[in-house]
Protein backbone atom coordinates (compact mmCIF):
# COMPACT_ATOMS: atom_id res chain seq x y z
CA UNK A 1 4.53 -9.94 -6.53
CA UNK A 2 4.25 -8.17 -9.90
CA UNK A 3 5.77 -5.05 -8.58
CA UNK A 4 6.09 -3.34 -12.34
CA UNK A 5 2.26 -4.36 -13.07
CA UNK A 6 0.83 -0.82 -14.37
CA UNK A 7 -2.20 0.54 -12.31
CA UNK A 8 -2.91 4.01 -13.34
CA UNK A 9 -1.28 6.53 -15.81
CA UNK A 10 1.98 5.18 -15.69
CA UNK A 11 2.30 4.51 -12.03
CA UNK A 12 3.22 0.57 -11.18
CA UNK A 13 2.58 -1.44 -8.15
CA UNK A 14 6.04 -0.69 -6.98
CA UNK A 15 5.32 3.28 -7.55
CA UNK A 16 3.00 3.25 -5.26
CA UNK A 17 4.83 0.97 -2.60
CA UNK A 18 7.50 3.65 -2.84
CA UNK A 19 4.97 6.83 -2.32
CA UNK A 20 3.86 5.03 0.76
CA UNK A 21 6.77 3.57 2.56
CA UNK A 22 8.17 6.54 4.02
CA UNK A 23 5.01 7.31 6.30
CA UNK A 24 4.18 3.68 6.87
CA UNK A 25 7.63 3.22 9.34
CA UNK A 26 6.08 6.13 11.47
CA UNK A 27 2.28 4.53 11.62
CA UNK A 28 0.60 1.73 13.86
CA UNK A 29 -2.08 -0.21 13.06
CA UNK A 30 -4.73 -2.16 14.92
CA UNK A 31 -5.90 -4.64 12.40
CA UNK A 32 -5.70 -5.53 8.68
CA UNK A 33 -9.08 -3.69 7.77
CA UNK A 34 -7.34 -0.16 9.10
CA UNK A 35 -4.17 -0.71 7.26
CA UNK A 36 -6.07 -1.61 4.32
CA UNK A 37 -7.92 1.65 4.71
CA UNK A 38 -4.79 3.79 5.26
CA UNK A 39 -2.97 2.40 2.11
CA UNK A 40 -6.28 3.24 -0.10
CA UNK A 41 -6.40 6.60 1.59
CA UNK A 42 -2.81 7.37 1.24
CA UNK A 43 -2.16 6.45 -2.37
CA UNK A 44 -1.41 9.19 -4.62
CA UNK A 45 -4.17 9.69 -7.37
CA UNK A 46 -5.44 6.48 -7.04
CA UNK A 47 -7.87 5.80 -4.46
CA UNK A 48 -8.91 1.74 -4.91
CA UNK A 49 -7.66 -1.08 -3.50
CA UNK A 50 -4.63 -2.37 -4.80
CA UNK A 51 -3.59 -5.90 -3.34
CA UNK A 52 0.00 -6.05 -4.09
CA UNK A 53 0.25 -2.93 -2.23
CA UNK A 54 -1.67 -3.99 0.75
CA UNK A 55 0.14 -6.98 0.61
CA UNK A 56 3.49 -5.66 0.58
CA UNK A 57 2.58 -3.51 3.90
CA UNK A 58 1.05 -6.28 5.43
CA UNK A 59 3.83 -8.76 5.04
CA UNK A 60 6.20 -5.76 7.21
CA UNK A 61 3.58 -5.80 10.17
CA UNK A 62 2.72 -8.30 12.89
CA UNK A 63 -1.13 -8.06 12.00
CA UNK A 64 -2.60 -11.52 11.88
């Protein structure tokens, strides 16, 4: 994963992951689509799908 890839106005993939990390540990997801929607909606400033962010959190779940 390219965590240093620039996404938006100085924000990298890792910056978005860091912003979501704290909240993630208090969430439960029923399916992959729910996780994907959560990632997009909780990202500050940039509300488009970032595959690396989604994959990072998907790897931390038991979703198949």
